[in-house]
């Protein structure tokens, strides 16, 4: 079968969909990932096709004022309001470009379309136009009504009262996209896709006949258990982990460093590092020195800056966590869903240093699961605080013991192969 997979966001948002594409290819299907252009190699390295979406919206995350807004955690300052207005204007300008490219990616047709929550008010209309099934594929539990998890209006991962959770879903169903987004999606529907107007056309949770769409959850049942009141159209089958690129090889410098001593800490904060990469680098280097450990520091696109690392620290711009973390002693990260799943699957205790609300929710979940101390927010990051968190995660046996228990349980989950079986049944039923 021919499958299109639409997603948008940072690497942590896109890589799970590349994993699904790779799994479909391994099962003998044709899969094309439709995502920001910078992520093409994630798909093509595993034999999947790739169609590039404009990265302009993603590039906005690199702006200092946007990173500063993330660090403030969306607190309503005058500067944050100005930044939000700027983002809204840029989104309005770039959104039509995104829609044109998304439809162009479907020029050869498909038998099945998967779409993430990003721009879903438009992307879910592509399978309607093609006359094929469409599946909502998400990395969070906020999109299916439940008493056990809230909607995106709360997004509190199980800390809100159950009655409030259910109410939040009712309110979310009444919520519409921003007027300019709704207008652009509606115009694209009629003018480009040639579809007639209809009530509920922007509701991506339901198919054109008004039935709930199938939903695939890309997280582990050990991290977030399925809600008992989810319908049988919802499938939570384990994290979508991308295998290491078959052509990738670690550098000699990296293999020599790993061989020269005990397993190191693995430190990386993903695509965002706040507004002062050098300060972040100083805090990280000092904390590593204070704990007496060795470390591999992965700068990522955000770029933790450690210009003259001491011998106990190896700095690298990129290395697959699926390869590195099984060779590490402990993981220090920003709390993104992809990294925390990989670290937990490796049986590692963790220290989470979130930038924004979404990462903070996952980080608190790690703490409640018993694999990490309380989160250390990036705005509170210091060498002393980070060193204390590393010592706690490393020396208190309960964190490592719990991580190993969860890792063993995660190995029993179906993951990507199980998802592929669900999709095959959906198309051939």
Protein backbone atom coordinates (compact mmCIF):
# COMPACT_ATOMS: atom_id res chain seq x y z
CA UNK A 1 0.00 0.00 0.00
CA UNK A 2 1.02 3.63 -0.55
CA UNK A 3 1.09 5.70 2.63
CA UNK A 4 1.57 9.44 3.14
CA UNK A 5 2.68 10.62 6.59
CA UNK A 6 2.19 14.33 7.35
CA UNK A 7 3.87 15.98 10.33
CA UNK A 8 5.49 19.28 11.26
CA UNK A 9 7.75 20.44 14.08
CA UNK A 10 11.19 19.91 15.56
CA UNK A 11 13.23 16.74 15.17
CA UNK A 12 11.54 15.28 18.23
CA UNK A 13 8.16 15.85 16.57
CA UNK A 14 9.20 14.39 13.20
CA UNK A 15 11.47 11.44 14.03
CA UNK A 16 8.66 9.15 15.30
CA UNK A 17 6.89 9.57 11.95
CA UNK A 18 10.12 8.72 10.16
CA UNK A 19 10.16 5.57 12.30
CA UNK A 20 6.64 4.70 11.09
CA UNK A 21 7.70 5.31 7.49
CA UNK A 22 10.73 3.06 7.96
CA UNK A 23 8.56 0.34 9.48
CA UNK A 24 6.14 0.49 6.58
CA UNK A 25 9.02 0.14 4.12
CA UNK A 26 10.37 -2.89 6.01
CA UNK A 27 6.91 -4.46 5.72
CA UNK A 28 6.96 -4.04 1.94
CA UNK A 29 4.89 -0.87 1.58
CA UNK A 30 5.63 2.49 -0.05
CA UNK A 31 5.79 5.29 2.50
CA UNK A 32 6.46 8.99 1.99
CA UNK A 33 7.19 11.31 4.89
CA UNK A 34 5.93 14.87 4.35
CA UNK A 35 7.78 17.12 6.79
CA UNK A 36 10.11 20.15 7.03
CA UNK A 37 12.92 19.91 4.50
CA UNK A 38 15.74 19.67 7.03
CA UNK A 39 14.58 16.19 8.08
CA UNK A 40 14.69 14.45 4.71
CA UNK A 41 17.55 12.13 5.62
CA UNK A 42 15.55 10.65 8.51
CA UNK A 43 13.25 9.08 5.92
CA UNK A 44 15.50 8.44 2.94
CA UNK A 45 18.16 6.66 5.04
CA UNK A 46 15.61 3.90 5.62
CA UNK A 47 14.26 3.66 2.09
CA UNK A 48 11.19 5.86 2.53
CA UNK A 49 10.23 8.67 0.22
CA UNK A 50 10.32 12.29 1.32
CA UNK A 51 8.42 15.43 0.33
CA UNK A 52 9.67 18.68 1.79
CA UNK A 53 7.50 21.27 3.49
CA UNK A 54 8.71 24.83 3.88
CA UNK A 55 10.72 25.24 7.10
CA UNK A 56 9.85 28.89 7.61
CA UNK A 57 7.53 28.25 10.55
CA UNK A 58 10.14 26.02 12.16
CA UNK A 59 12.87 28.61 11.63
CA UNK A 60 10.91 31.01 13.84
CA UNK A 61 11.85 28.84 16.83
CA UNK A 62 15.48 29.86 16.35
CA UNK A 63 14.72 33.55 16.91
CA UNK A 64 16.07 34.83 20.27
CA UNK A 65 12.76 36.44 21.23
CA UNK A 66 10.91 33.17 20.61
CA UNK A 67 13.40 31.16 22.65
CA UNK A 68 13.09 33.75 25.42
CA UNK A 69 9.30 33.28 25.35
CA UNK A 70 9.77 29.53 25.78
CA UNK A 71 12.00 30.12 28.80
CA UNK A 72 9.34 32.35 30.35
CA UNK A 73 6.93 29.45 29.83
CA UNK A 74 4.41 31.70 28.07
CA UNK A 75 3.97 33.99 31.07
CA UNK A 76 2.03 37.07 29.84
CA UNK A 77 4.66 39.80 29.74
CA UNK A 78 4.49 42.69 27.29
CA UNK A 79 7.44 41.23 25.38
CA UNK A 80 5.77 37.82 25.20
CA UNK A 81 2.61 39.41 23.81
CA UNK A 82 4.63 41.21 21.11
CA UNK A 83 6.37 37.96 20.22
CA UNK A 84 3.04 36.12 20.05
CA UNK A 85 1.65 38.76 17.69
CA UNK A 86 4.73 38.46 15.49
CA UNK A 87 4.37 34.68 15.38
CA UNK A 88 0.70 34.96 14.50
CA UNK A 89 1.50 37.28 11.61
CA UNK A 90 4.26 35.02 10.30
CA UNK A 91 2.03 31.97 10.58
CA UNK A 92 -0.66 33.75 8.59
CA UNK A 93 1.91 34.58 5.90
CA UNK A 94 3.53 31.13 5.69
CA UNK A 95 0.49 28.90 6.20
CA UNK A 96 -0.75 29.07 2.57
CA UNK A 97 2.73 28.03 1.40
CA UNK A 98 2.56 25.01 3.68
CA UNK A 99 -0.87 24.05 2.34
CA UNK A 100 0.25 24.23 -1.29
CA UNK A 101 3.24 22.01 -0.61
CA UNK A 102 1.18 19.53 1.41
CA UNK A 103 -1.24 18.98 -1.46
CA UNK A 104 1.58 18.78 -4.01
CA UNK A 105 3.03 15.89 -1.98
CA UNK A 106 -0.18 13.93 -2.66
CA UNK A 107 0.01 14.31 -6.44
CA UNK A 108 0.63 10.58 -6.98
CA UNK A 109 -2.22 9.55 -4.70
CA UNK A 110 -2.18 7.19 -1.72
CA UNK A 111 -4.07 4.31 -0.16
CA UNK A 112 -3.78 5.73 3.36
CA UNK A 113 -2.92 9.09 4.92
CA UNK A 114 -1.52 9.57 8.42
CA UNK A 115 -1.43 13.07 9.88
CA UNK A 116 -0.21 14.54 13.14
CA UNK A 117 -1.98 17.20 15.17
CA UNK A 118 0.20 19.90 13.55
CA UNK A 119 -1.96 21.76 11.01
CA UNK A 120 -4.47 18.91 11.31
CA UNK A 121 -7.44 21.17 10.53
CA UNK A 122 -6.13 21.15 6.95
CA UNK A 123 -4.13 17.92 6.60
CA UNK A 124 -7.07 15.69 7.50
CA UNK A 125 -8.86 16.94 4.38
CA UNK A 126 -6.27 15.34 2.09
CA UNK A 127 -7.54 11.77 2.67
CA UNK A 128 -11.08 13.08 2.15
CA UNK A 129 -10.04 14.48 -1.23
CA UNK A 130 -8.23 11.26 -2.16
CA UNK A 131 -11.12 9.09 -0.98
CA UNK A 132 -8.91 7.00 1.33
CA UNK A 133 -8.77 6.39 5.10
CA UNK A 134 -7.14 9.03 7.27
CA UNK A 135 -5.62 8.32 10.67
CA UNK A 136 -4.83 10.81 13.42
CA UNK A 137 -1.34 9.96 14.73
CA UNK A 138 -0.20 11.80 17.86
CA UNK A 139 2.54 11.65 20.48
CA UNK A 140 0.31 12.81 23.37
CA UNK A 141 -2.91 11.55 25.00
CA UNK A 142 -4.83 14.84 24.72
CA UNK A 143 -6.85 14.20 21.55
CA UNK A 144 -9.35 11.51 22.59
CA UNK A 145 -12.09 12.39 25.12
CA UNK A 146 -11.44 10.78 28.49
CA UNK A 147 -11.90 11.26 32.21
CA UNK A 148 -8.29 10.22 32.72
CA UNK A 149 -6.45 12.63 30.40
CA UNK A 150 -7.35 16.25 29.58
CA UNK A 151 -7.65 17.93 26.21
CA UNK A 152 -5.00 20.28 24.88
CA UNK A 153 -6.78 23.11 26.74
CA UNK A 154 -5.34 21.73 30.00
CA UNK A 155 -2.60 19.34 28.92
CA UNK A 156 -1.72 18.37 32.49
CA UNK A 157 -0.96 14.63 32.03
CA UNK A 158 -3.25 13.29 34.71
CA UNK A 159 -3.00 15.95 37.43
CA UNK A 160 -6.42 17.57 36.87
CA UNK A 161 -9.66 16.23 38.42
CA UNK A 162 -11.38 13.68 36.18
CA UNK A 163 -14.56 15.73 35.81
CA UNK A 164 -12.46 18.66 34.63
CA UNK A 165 -10.66 16.42 32.14
CA UNK A 166 -13.93 15.39 30.50
CA UNK A 167 -15.18 18.98 30.48
CA UNK A 168 -11.97 20.16 28.83
CA UNK A 169 -12.65 17.82 25.88
CA UNK A 170 -16.17 19.18 25.49
CA UNK A 171 -14.77 22.70 25.40
CA UNK A 172 -12.04 21.69 22.94
CA UNK A 173 -14.65 20.37 20.49
CA UNK A 174 -16.23 23.83 20.42
CA UNK A 175 -12.92 25.57 19.93
CA UNK A 176 -12.06 26.65 16.40
CA UNK A 177 -8.67 27.51 14.91
CA UNK A 178 -7.62 31.16 14.78
CA UNK A 179 -9.86 33.01 12.28
CA UNK A 180 -7.12 33.50 9.70
CA UNK A 181 -6.13 29.81 9.90
CA UNK A 182 -9.74 28.67 9.61
CA UNK A 183 -10.30 30.97 6.63
CA UNK A 184 -7.14 29.77 4.86
CA UNK A 185 -7.99 26.09 5.47
CA UNK A 186 -11.57 26.59 4.28
CA UNK A 187 -10.45 28.42 1.13
CA UNK A 188 -7.85 25.73 0.42
CA UNK A 189 -10.54 23.08 0.82
CA UNK A 190 -12.82 24.59 -1.81
CA UNK A 191 -10.37 26.32 -4.18
CA UNK A 192 -7.47 23.84 -4.23
CA UNK A 193 -8.91 20.50 -3.16
CA UNK A 194 -12.25 21.10 -4.88
CA UNK A 195 -14.24 19.85 -1.90
CA UNK A 196 -17.65 21.22 -1.04
CA UNK A 197 -18.21 23.14 2.15
CA UNK A 198 -19.80 21.11 4.93
CA UNK A 199 -20.43 21.45 8.67
CA UNK A 200 -17.48 20.25 10.73
CA UNK A 201 -15.07 20.32 7.80
CA UNK A 202 -12.21 21.48 10.06
CA UNK A 203 -12.82 18.81 12.72
CA UNK A 204 -9.89 16.46 12.23
CA UNK A 205 -11.11 14.06 14.94
CA UNK A 206 -13.96 12.83 12.73
CA UNK A 207 -14.11 11.45 9.21
CA UNK A 208 -16.37 12.97 6.52
CA UNK A 209 -19.24 10.74 7.70
CA UNK A 210 -19.00 12.10 11.24
CA UNK A 211 -17.46 8.94 12.73
CA UNK A 212 -14.48 9.14 15.12
CA UNK A 213 -11.24 8.66 13.23
CA UNK A 214 -8.82 5.91 14.17
CA UNK A 215 -6.11 7.26 16.47
CA UNK A 216 -2.56 5.97 16.85
CA UNK A 217 -0.62 6.96 19.96
CA UNK A 218 3.16 7.13 19.65
CA UNK A 219 4.06 6.66 23.30
CA UNK A 220 4.73 3.74 25.60
CA UNK A 221 1.97 2.29 27.74
CA UNK A 222 4.57 2.18 30.54
CA UNK A 223 5.03 5.95 30.38
CA UNK A 224 1.35 6.82 29.92
CA UNK A 225 -1.13 3.95 30.45
CA UNK A 226 -4.11 3.82 28.06
CA UNK A 227 -7.26 5.36 29.50
CA UNK A 228 -9.88 2.68 30.24
CA UNK A 229 -12.59 4.84 28.66
CA UNK A 230 -10.88 5.19 25.27
CA UNK A 231 -12.80 3.45 22.45
CA UNK A 232 -11.37 0.54 20.48
CA UNK A 233 -10.52 2.89 17.61
CA UNK A 234 -7.60 4.17 19.72
CA UNK A 235 -4.36 2.19 19.55
CA UNK A 236 -1.54 2.68 22.08
CA UNK A 237 1.05 0.13 21.03
CA UNK A 238 4.37 1.55 22.21
CA UNK A 239 6.84 4.25 21.20
CA UNK A 240 7.81 4.68 17.55
CA UNK A 241 11.59 4.30 17.69
CA UNK A 242 13.71 4.98 14.60
CA UNK A 243 16.55 2.51 14.01
CA UNK A 244 20.02 3.96 13.58
CA UNK A 245 20.80 4.91 9.97
CA UNK A 246 22.49 1.81 8.48
CA UNK A 247 25.10 4.04 6.85
CA UNK A 248 25.93 5.95 10.03
CA UNK A 249 29.22 5.25 11.76
CA UNK A 250 30.50 6.83 15.00
CA UNK A 251 33.60 8.93 14.70
CA UNK A 252 36.93 7.51 15.83
CA UNK A 253 37.04 10.27 18.42
CA UNK A 254 33.74 9.10 19.90
CA UNK A 255 34.59 5.40 19.99
CA UNK A 256 38.00 6.12 21.50
CA UNK A 257 36.40 8.31 24.18
CA UNK A 258 33.89 5.62 25.10
CA UNK A 259 36.60 2.96 25.25
CA UNK A 260 38.88 5.09 27.43
CA UNK A 261 36.80 4.94 30.61
CA UNK A 262 33.53 4.03 32.31
CA UNK A 263 30.18 4.79 30.64
CA UNK A 264 29.70 8.57 30.44
CA UNK A 265 26.76 10.83 31.05
CA UNK A 266 24.84 11.68 27.88
CA UNK A 267 23.86 15.36 27.87
CA UNK A 268 21.77 17.14 25.25
CA UNK A 269 18.99 19.73 25.22
CA UNK A 270 17.65 19.23 21.69
CA UNK A 271 16.66 22.07 19.38
CA UNK A 272 16.32 24.78 22.03
CA UNK A 273 19.00 26.05 24.40
CA UNK A 274 17.53 29.33 25.57
CA UNK A 275 19.07 32.69 24.91
CA UNK A 276 22.63 32.10 26.16
CA UNK A 277 24.29 28.91 24.85
CA UNK A 278 27.63 29.83 26.44
CA UNK A 279 26.07 30.15 29.90
CA UNK A 280 24.31 26.81 29.44
CA UNK A 281 27.63 25.29 28.42
CA UNK A 282 29.39 26.70 31.49
CA UNK A 283 26.72 25.28 33.81
CA UNK A 284 26.87 21.86 32.15
CA UNK A 285 30.68 21.67 32.14
CA UNK A 286 30.94 22.77 35.77
CA UNK A 287 28.29 20.28 36.88
CA UNK A 288 30.04 17.42 35.11
CA UNK A 289 33.34 18.39 36.69
CA UNK A 290 31.74 18.64 40.14
CA UNK A 291 30.25 15.14 39.92
CA UNK A 292 33.49 13.54 38.75
CA UNK A 293 31.90 11.92 35.71
CA UNK A 294 32.81 11.83 32.05
CA UNK A 295 30.23 13.03 29.55
CA UNK A 296 29.29 13.15 25.89
CA UNK A 297 27.59 16.51 25.27
CA UNK A 298 25.41 16.63 22.16
CA UNK A 299 24.98 20.24 21.14
CA UNK A 300 22.20 19.70 18.59
CA UNK A 301 20.94 22.62 16.48
CA UNK A 302 20.44 24.76 19.55
CA UNK A 303 24.12 24.53 20.35
CA UNK A 304 25.22 24.20 23.96
CA UNK A 305 28.53 26.00 23.63
CA UNK A 306 31.59 24.47 25.33
CA UNK A 307 34.40 25.88 23.16
CA UNK A 308 37.32 24.34 25.10
CA UNK A 309 36.03 21.15 26.71
CA UNK A 310 38.21 19.45 29.32
CA UNK A 311 39.40 15.87 28.69
CA UNK A 312 36.45 14.36 30.55
CA UNK A 313 33.94 15.96 28.14
CA UNK A 314 33.50 15.07 24.48
CA UNK A 315 31.39 17.60 22.54
CA UNK A 316 29.66 16.46 19.36
CA UNK A 317 27.07 18.17 17.20
CA UNK A 318 24.95 15.09 16.57
CA UNK A 319 24.85 11.40 17.40
CA UNK A 320 21.83 9.07 17.32
CA UNK A 321 20.53 8.68 20.86
CA UNK A 322 19.38 5.17 19.94
CA UNK A 323 23.10 4.34 19.59
CA UNK A 324 24.54 6.52 22.37
CA UNK A 325 22.16 6.03 25.30
CA UNK A 326 22.61 2.24 25.65
CA UNK A 327 26.32 3.06 26.11
CA UNK A 328 25.72 5.78 28.71
CA UNK A 329 25.46 5.82 32.50
CA UNK A 330 22.75 8.47 32.81
CA UNK A 331 20.86 10.85 30.52
CA UNK A 332 20.49 14.61 31.00
CA UNK A 333 17.95 16.06 28.57
CA UNK A 334 15.18 18.62 28.07
CA UNK A 335 12.25 16.28 28.59
CA UNK A 336 11.23 15.81 24.98
CA UNK A 337 9.10 12.74 24.38
CA UNK A 338 11.51 11.09 21.93
CA UNK A 339 14.57 11.40 24.15
CA UNK A 340 12.81 10.32 27.34
CA UNK A 341 11.40 7.24 25.61
CA UNK A 342 14.83 6.31 24.25
CA UNK A 343 16.49 6.88 27.63
CA UNK A 344 13.85 4.87 29.49
CA UNK A 345 14.06 2.05 26.95
CA UNK A 346 17.82 1.99 27.63
CA UNK A 347 17.12 1.56 31.36
CA UNK A 348 18.78 4.84 32.33
CA UNK A 349 18.06 7.13 35.27
CA UNK A 350 17.51 10.64 33.98
CA UNK A 351 17.75 14.33 34.80
CA UNK A 352 15.17 16.45 32.97
CA UNK A 353 15.80 20.16 32.34
CA UNK A 354 12.73 21.37 30.41
CA UNK A 355 12.45 24.61 28.46
CA UNK A 356 8.70 24.94 28.10
CA UNK A 357 5.36 23.67 29.34
CA UNK A 358 5.13 20.57 27.17
CA UNK A 359 8.59 19.35 28.18
CA UNK A 360 7.86 20.20 31.81
CA UNK A 361 4.79 17.94 31.76
CA UNK A 362 6.80 14.99 30.46
CA UNK A 363 9.57 15.77 32.97
CA UNK A 364 7.14 15.68 35.87
CA UNK A 365 5.83 12.39 34.54
CA UNK A 366 9.35 10.93 34.64
CA UNK A 367 9.63 12.05 38.26
CA UNK A 368 6.29 10.45 39.17
CA UNK A 369 7.38 7.24 37.46
CA UNK A 370 10.46 7.17 39.68
CA UNK A 371 13.19 7.34 37.03
CA UNK A 372 14.25 10.96 37.61
CA UNK A 373 14.51 13.54 40.40
CA UNK A 374 12.23 16.57 40.29
CA UNK A 375 12.71 18.52 37.03
CA UNK A 376 15.18 21.40 36.87
CA UNK A 377 13.72 24.08 34.59
CA UNK A 378 16.15 25.77 32.20
CA UNK A 379 15.45 29.19 33.67
CA UNK A 380 16.66 27.85 37.04
CA UNK A 381 19.68 26.02 35.63
CA UNK A 382 22.95 26.43 37.51
CA UNK A 383 26.03 24.29 37.94
CA UNK A 384 25.24 23.53 41.58
CA UNK A 385 21.60 22.59 40.94
CA UNK A 386 22.48 20.44 37.95
CA UNK A 387 25.28 18.68 39.83
CA UNK A 388 22.92 17.95 42.73
CA UNK A 389 20.32 16.47 40.37
CA UNK A 390 22.93 14.32 38.62
CA UNK A 391 24.23 13.01 41.95
CA UNK A 392 20.71 12.14 43.09
CA UNK A 393 19.82 10.32 39.87
CA UNK A 394 23.13 8.46 39.85
CA UNK A 395 23.59 7.50 43.49
CA UNK A 396 20.03 6.76 44.66
CA UNK A 397 19.46 3.14 43.54
CA UNK A 398 15.68 3.54 43.22
CA UNK A 399 15.99 5.60 40.02
CA UNK A 400 18.13 3.06 38.17
CA UNK A 401 16.11 0.12 39.47
CA UNK A 402 12.84 1.67 38.34
CA UNK A 403 14.28 2.60 34.93
CA UNK A 404 15.35 -1.00 34.34
CA UNK A 405 11.91 -2.30 35.29
CA UNK A 406 10.26 0.08 32.82
CA UNK A 407 12.78 -0.80 30.10
CA UNK A 408 11.98 -4.50 30.45
CA UNK A 409 8.25 -3.78 30.21
CA UNK A 410 8.73 -1.54 27.16
CA UNK A 411 10.45 -4.40 25.34
CA UNK A 412 7.17 -6.34 25.44
CA UNK A 413 5.28 -3.64 23.50
CA UNK A 414 4.61 -4.02 19.81
CA UNK A 415 5.82 -0.61 18.71
CA UNK A 416 6.12 0.15 15.01
CA UNK A 417 5.49 -3.42 13.71
CA UNK A 418 2.22 -3.55 15.66
CA UNK A 419 1.19 -0.18 14.21
CA UNK A 420 1.88 -1.44 10.70
CA UNK A 421 -0.42 -4.42 11.32
CA UNK A 422 -3.21 -2.08 12.44
CA UNK A 423 -2.79 0.04 9.30
CA UNK A 424 -2.84 -3.02 7.04
CA UNK A 425 -6.11 -4.17 8.59
CA UNK A 426 -7.56 -0.68 8.21
CA UNK A 427 -6.85 -0.51 4.48
CA UNK A 428 -7.80 -4.09 3.63
CA UNK A 429 -10.91 -4.51 5.78
